[in-house]
Amino acid sequence: MAKKNVLLVKLSSTAGTGFFYVKKRNPKKMTEKLALRKYDPVVRKHVAFKEEKLK
């Protein structure tokens, strides 16, 4: 059976609230870490989310 191409990564809020999203990423096509601007419901604003390793 073939190995999967995607990894699950954790996108943690830079606002320090502890809120996070889980997203799929293909490490062969996208070599740099993900950094997205998404909604954080704890602070009720759009903030930057940085990629971390999912444990």
PDB file of N, CA and C in Angstrom:
ATOM      1  N   MET A   1       0.839  -1.173   0.000  1.00  0.00           N
ATOM      2  CA  MET A   1       0.000   0.000   0.000  1.00  0.00           C
ATOM      3  C   MET A   1       0.892   1.248   0.000  1.00  0.00           C
ATOM      4  N   ALA A   2       0.478   2.257  -0.736  1.00  0.00           N
ATOM      5  CA  ALA A   2       1.273   3.467  -0.878  1.00  0.00           C
ATOM      6  C   ALA A   2       1.206   4.331   0.379  1.00  0.00           C
ATOM      7  N   LYS A   3       2.260   5.099   0.596  1.00  0.00           N
ATOM      8  CA  LYS A   3       2.312   6.026   1.721  1.00  0.00           C
ATOM      9  C   LYS A   3       1.520   7.291   1.369  1.00  0.00           C
ATOM     10  N   LYS A   4       0.848   7.884   2.348  1.00  0.00           N
ATOM     11  CA  LYS A   4       0.050   9.086   2.109  1.00  0.00           C
ATOM     12  C   LYS A   4       0.953  10.281   1.820  1.00  0.00           C
ATOM     13  N   ASN A   5       0.436  11.211   1.002  1.00  0.00           N
ATOM     14  CA  ASN A   5       1.200  12.395   0.627  1.00  0.00           C
ATOM     15  C   ASN A   5       0.989  13.573   1.558  1.00  0.00           C
ATOM     16  N   VAL A   6      -0.023  13.537   2.406  1.00  0.00           N
ATOM     17  CA  VAL A   6      -0.353  14.710   3.206  1.00  0.00           C
ATOM     18  C   VAL A   6      -0.027  14.492   4.682  1.00  0.00           C
ATOM     19  N   LEU A   7       0.313  15.586   5.347  1.00  0.00           N
ATOM     20  CA  LEU A   7       0.536  15.603   6.793  1.00  0.00           C
ATOM     21  C   LEU A   7      -0.533  16.462   7.435  1.00  0.00           C
ATOM     22  N   LEU A   8      -0.942  16.118   8.636  1.00  0.00           N
ATOM     23  CA  LEU A   8      -1.818  16.984   9.409  1.00  0.00           C
ATOM     24  C   LEU A   8      -0.947  17.924  10.229  1.00  0.00           C
ATOM     25  N   VAL A   9      -1.214  19.220  10.144  1.00  0.00           N
ATOM     26  CA  VAL A   9      -0.457  20.207  10.907  1.00  0.00           C
ATOM     27  C   VAL A   9      -1.418  21.035  11.746  1.00  0.00           C
ATOM     28  N   LYS A  10      -0.901  21.572  12.825  1.00  0.00           N
ATOM     29  CA  LYS A  10      -1.672  22.389  13.754  1.00  0.00           C
ATOM     30  C   LYS A  10      -1.347  23.853  13.491  1.00  0.00           C
ATOM     31  N   LEU A  11      -2.363  24.664  13.257  1.00  0.00           N
ATOM     32  CA  LEU A  11      -2.183  26.105  13.088  1.00  0.00           C
ATOM     33  C   LEU A  11      -2.603  26.776  14.387  1.00  0.00           C
ATOM     34  N   SER A  12      -1.626  27.294  15.145  1.00  0.00           N
ATOM     35  CA  SER A  12      -1.892  27.909  16.441  1.00  0.00           C
ATOM     36  C   SER A  12      -1.986  29.424  16.311  1.00  0.00           C
ATOM     37  N   SER A  13      -2.869  30.004  17.079  1.00  0.00           N
ATOM     38  CA  SER A  13      -3.087  31.447  17.063  1.00  0.00           C
ATOM     39  C   SER A  13      -1.888  32.172  17.664  1.00  0.00           C
ATOM     40  N   THR A  14      -1.486  33.275  17.030  1.00  0.00           N
ATOM     41  CA  THR A  14      -0.390  34.089  17.561  1.00  0.00           C
ATOM     42  C   THR A  14      -0.888  35.057  18.630  1.00  0.00           C
ATOM     43  N   ALA A  15      -2.209  35.108  18.859  1.00  0.00           N
ATOM     44  CA  ALA A  15      -2.761  35.973  19.898  1.00  0.00           C
ATOM     45  C   ALA A  15      -2.570  35.372  21.281  1.00  0.00           C
ATOM     46  N   GLY A  16      -2.131  34.113  21.353  1.00  0.00           N
ATOM     47  CA  GLY A  16      -1.856  33.486  22.635  1.00  0.00           C
ATOM     48  C   GLY A  16      -3.095  32.969  23.350  1.00  0.00           C
ATOM     49  N   THR A  17      -4.155  32.685  22.610  1.00  0.00           N
ATOM     50  CA  THR A  17      -5.398  32.236  23.217  1.00  0.00           C
ATOM     51  C   THR A  17      -5.454  30.721  23.382  1.00  0.00           C
ATOM     52  N   GLY A  18      -4.608  30.002  22.667  1.00  0.00           N
ATOM     53  CA  GLY A  18      -4.640  28.552  22.722  1.00  0.00           C
ATOM     54  C   GLY A  18      -5.556  27.940  21.676  1.00  0.00           C
ATOM     55  N   PHE A  19      -6.239  28.766  20.897  1.00  0.00           N
ATOM     56  CA  PHE A  19      -7.122  28.272  19.848  1.00  0.00           C
ATOM     57  C   PHE A  19      -6.287  27.825  18.657  1.00  0.00           C
ATOM     58  N   PHE A  20      -6.704  26.737  17.995  1.00  0.00           N
ATOM     59  CA  PHE A  20      -5.956  26.230  16.848  1.00  0.00           C
ATOM     60  C   PHE A  20      -6.869  25.589  15.826  1.00  0.00           C
ATOM     61  N   TYR A  21      -6.392  25.532  14.588  1.00  0.00           N
ATOM     62  CA  TYR A  21      -7.028  24.816  13.489  1.00  0.00           C
ATOM     63  C   TYR A  21      -6.138  23.645  13.117  1.00  0.00           C
ATOM     64  N   VAL A  22      -6.729  22.593  12.523  1.00  0.00           N
ATOM     65  CA  VAL A  22      -5.962  21.472  11.996  1.00  0.00           C
ATOM     66  C   VAL A  22      -6.155  21.468  10.489  1.00  0.00           C
ATOM     67  N   LYS A  23      -5.048  21.399   9.745  1.00  0.00           N
ATOM     68  CA  LYS A  23      -5.086  21.506   8.295  1.00  0.00           C
ATOM     69  C   LYS A  23      -4.181  20.458   7.687  1.00  0.00           C
ATOM     70  N   LYS A  24      -4.487  20.024   6.458  1.00  0.00           N
ATOM     71  CA  LYS A  24      -3.647  19.084   5.723  1.00  0.00           C
ATOM     72  C   LYS A  24      -2.657  19.857   4.864  1.00  0.00           C
ATOM     73  N   ARG A  25      -1.441  19.324   4.747  1.00  0.00           N
ATOM     74  CA  ARG A  25      -0.400  19.973   3.935  1.00  0.00           C
ATOM     75  C   ARG A  25       0.431  18.898   3.264  1.00  0.00           C
ATOM     76  N   ASN A  26       0.726  19.095   1.977  1.00  0.00           N
ATOM     77  CA  ASN A  26       1.595  18.195   1.240  1.00  0.00           C
ATOM     78  C   ASN A  26       3.032  18.718   1.349  1.00  0.00           C
ATOM     79  N   PRO A  27       3.917  18.013   2.067  1.00  0.00           N
ATOM     80  CA  PRO A  27       5.269  18.532   2.282  1.00  0.00           C
ATOM     81  C   PRO A  27       6.153  18.484   1.037  1.00  0.00           C
ATOM     82  N   LYS A  28       5.787  17.711   0.039  1.00  0.00           N
ATOM     83  CA  LYS A  28       6.595  17.652  -1.180  1.00  0.00           C
ATOM     84  C   LYS A  28       6.329  18.841  -2.088  1.00  0.00           C
ATOM     85  N   LYS A  29       5.097  19.328  -2.118  1.00  0.00           N
ATOM     86  CA  LYS A  29       4.751  20.473  -2.966  1.00  0.00           C
ATOM     87  C   LYS A  29       4.956  21.803  -2.251  1.00  0.00           C
ATOM     88  N   MET A  30       4.669  21.839  -0.947  1.00  0.00           N
ATOM     89  CA  MET A  30       4.782  23.069  -0.170  1.00  0.00           C
ATOM     90  C   MET A  30       5.823  22.850   0.926  1.00  0.00           C
ATOM     91  N   THR A  31       7.046  23.306   0.691  1.00  0.00           N
ATOM     92  CA  THR A  31       8.143  23.018   1.613  1.00  0.00           C
ATOM     93  C   THR A  31       8.208  23.998   2.786  1.00  0.00           C
ATOM     94  N   GLU A  32       7.720  25.230   2.621  1.00  0.00           N
ATOM     95  CA  GLU A  32       7.770  26.194   3.715  1.00  0.00           C
ATOM     96  C   GLU A  32       6.595  25.979   4.660  1.00  0.00           C
ATOM     97  N   LYS A  33       6.711  26.498   5.872  1.00  0.00           N
ATOM     98  CA  LYS A  33       5.657  26.334   6.873  1.00  0.00           C
ATOM     99  C   LYS A  33       4.466  27.226   6.543  1.00  0.00           C
ATOM    100  N   LEU A  34       3.294  26.768   6.941  1.00  0.00           N
ATOM    101  CA  LEU A  34       2.065  27.526   6.694  1.00  0.00           C
ATOM    102  C   LEU A  34       1.942  28.694   7.663  1.00  0.00           C
ATOM    103  N   ALA A  35       1.473  29.800   7.154  1.00  0.00           N
ATOM    104  CA  ALA A  35       1.133  30.959   7.978  1.00  0.00           C
ATOM    105  C   ALA A  35      -0.088  31.596   7.325  1.00  0.00           C
ATOM    106  N   LEU A  36      -1.221  31.516   7.995  1.00  0.00           N
ATOM    107  CA  LEU A  36      -2.471  32.027   7.448  1.00  0.00           C
ATOM    108  C   LEU A  36      -3.095  33.023   8.405  1.00  0.00           C
ATOM    109  N   ARG A  37      -3.926  33.895   7.855  1.00  0.00           N
ATOM    110  CA  ARG A  37      -4.696  34.839   8.650  1.00  0.00           C
ATOM    111  C   ARG A  37      -6.117  34.316   8.709  1.00  0.00           C
ATOM    112  N   LYS A  38      -6.532  33.874   9.907  1.00  0.00           N
ATOM    113  CA  LYS A  38      -7.841  33.270  10.080  1.00  0.00           C
ATOM    114  C   LYS A  38      -8.529  33.860  11.308  1.00  0.00           C
ATOM    115  N   TYR A  39      -9.787  33.481  11.505  1.00  0.00           N
ATOM    116  CA  TYR A  39     -10.591  34.030  12.592  1.00  0.00           C
ATOM    117  C   TYR A  39     -10.320  33.289  13.895  1.00  0.00           C
ATOM    118  N   ASP A  40     -10.080  34.042  14.969  1.00  0.00           N
ATOM    119  CA  ASP A  40      -9.917  33.489  16.312  1.00  0.00           C
ATOM    120  C   ASP A  40     -11.145  33.880  17.125  1.00  0.00           C
ATOM    121  N   PRO A  41     -12.018  32.911  17.442  1.00  0.00           N
ATOM    122  CA  PRO A  41     -13.261  33.259  18.148  1.00  0.00           C
ATOM    123  C   PRO A  41     -13.062  33.701  19.595  1.00  0.00           C
ATOM    124  N   VAL A  42     -11.908  33.415  20.196  1.00  0.00           N
ATOM    125  CA  VAL A  42     -11.668  33.815  21.582  1.00  0.00           C
ATOM    126  C   VAL A  42     -11.495  35.331  21.664  1.00  0.00           C
ATOM    127  N   VAL A  43     -10.706  35.914  20.755  1.00  0.00           N
ATOM    128  CA  VAL A  43     -10.519  37.371  20.741  1.00  0.00           C
ATOM    129  C   VAL A  43     -11.473  38.054  19.766  1.00  0.00           C
ATOM    130  N   ARG A  44     -12.233  37.245  18.999  1.00  0.00           N
ATOM    131  CA  ARG A  44     -13.205  37.718  18.021  1.00  0.00           C
ATOM    132  C   ARG A  44     -12.599  38.646  16.980  1.00  0.00           C
ATOM    133  N   LYS A  45     -11.435  38.242  16.455  1.00  0.00           N
ATOM    134  CA  LYS A  45     -10.730  38.991  15.416  1.00  0.00           C
ATOM    135  C   LYS A  45     -10.046  38.021  14.472  1.00  0.00           C
ATOM    136  N   HIS A  46      -9.627  38.534  13.326  1.00  0.00           N
ATOM    137  CA  HIS A  46      -8.760  37.774  12.433  1.00  0.00           C
ATOM    138  C   HIS A  46      -7.318  38.025  12.871  1.00  0.00           C
ATOM    139  N   VAL A  47      -6.583  36.948  13.104  1.00  0.00           N
ATOM    140  CA  VAL A  47      -5.183  37.050  13.527  1.00  0.00           C
ATOM    141  C   VAL A  47      -4.353  36.059  12.715  1.00  0.00           C
ATOM    142  N   ALA A  48      -3.047  36.170  12.822  1.00  0.00           N
ATOM    143  CA  ALA A  48      -2.143  35.253  12.122  1.00  0.00           C
ATOM    144  C   ALA A  48      -2.076  33.924  12.867  1.00  0.00           C
ATOM    145  N   PHE A  49      -2.063  32.843  12.112  1.00  0.00           N
ATOM    146  CA  PHE A  49      -1.924  31.506  12.657  1.00  0.00           C
ATOM    147  C   PHE A  49      -0.663  30.895  12.059  1.00  0.00           C
ATOM    148  N   LYS A  50       0.206  30.342  12.907  1.00  0.00           N
ATOM    149  CA  LYS A  50       1.464  29.742  12.464  1.00  0.00           C
ATOM    150  C   LYS A  50       1.417  28.236  12.638  1.00  0.00           C
ATOM    151  N   GLU A  51       2.142  27.540  11.777  1.00  0.00           N
ATOM    152  CA  GLU A  51       2.156  26.089  11.792  1.00  0.00           C
ATOM    153  C   GLU A  51       3.018  25.553  12.935  1.00  0.00           C
ATOM    154  N   GLU A  52       2.492  24.515  13.592  1.00  0.00           N
ATOM    155  CA  GLU A  52       3.220  23.776  14.610  1.00  0.00           C
ATOM    156  C   GLU A  52       3.034  22.289  14.343  1.00  0.00           C
ATOM    157  N   LYS A  53       3.836  21.478  14.998  1.00  0.00           N
ATOM    158  CA  LYS A  53       3.699  20.041  14.849  1.00  0.00           C
ATOM    159  C   LYS A  53       2.491  19.552  15.649  1.00  0.00           C
ATOM    160  N   LEU A  54       1.683  18.710  15.036  1.00  0.00           N
ATOM    161  CA  LEU A  54       0.511  18.143  15.695  1.00  0.00           C
ATOM    162  C   LEU A  54       0.953  16.962  16.555  1.00  0.00           C
ATOM    163  N   LYS A  55       0.600  16.981  17.822  1.00  0.00           N
ATOM    164  CA  LYS A  55       1.030  15.921  18.737  1.00  0.00           C
ATOM    165  C   LYS A  55      -0.070  14.936  18.966  1.00  0.00           C
TER     166      LYS A  55
END
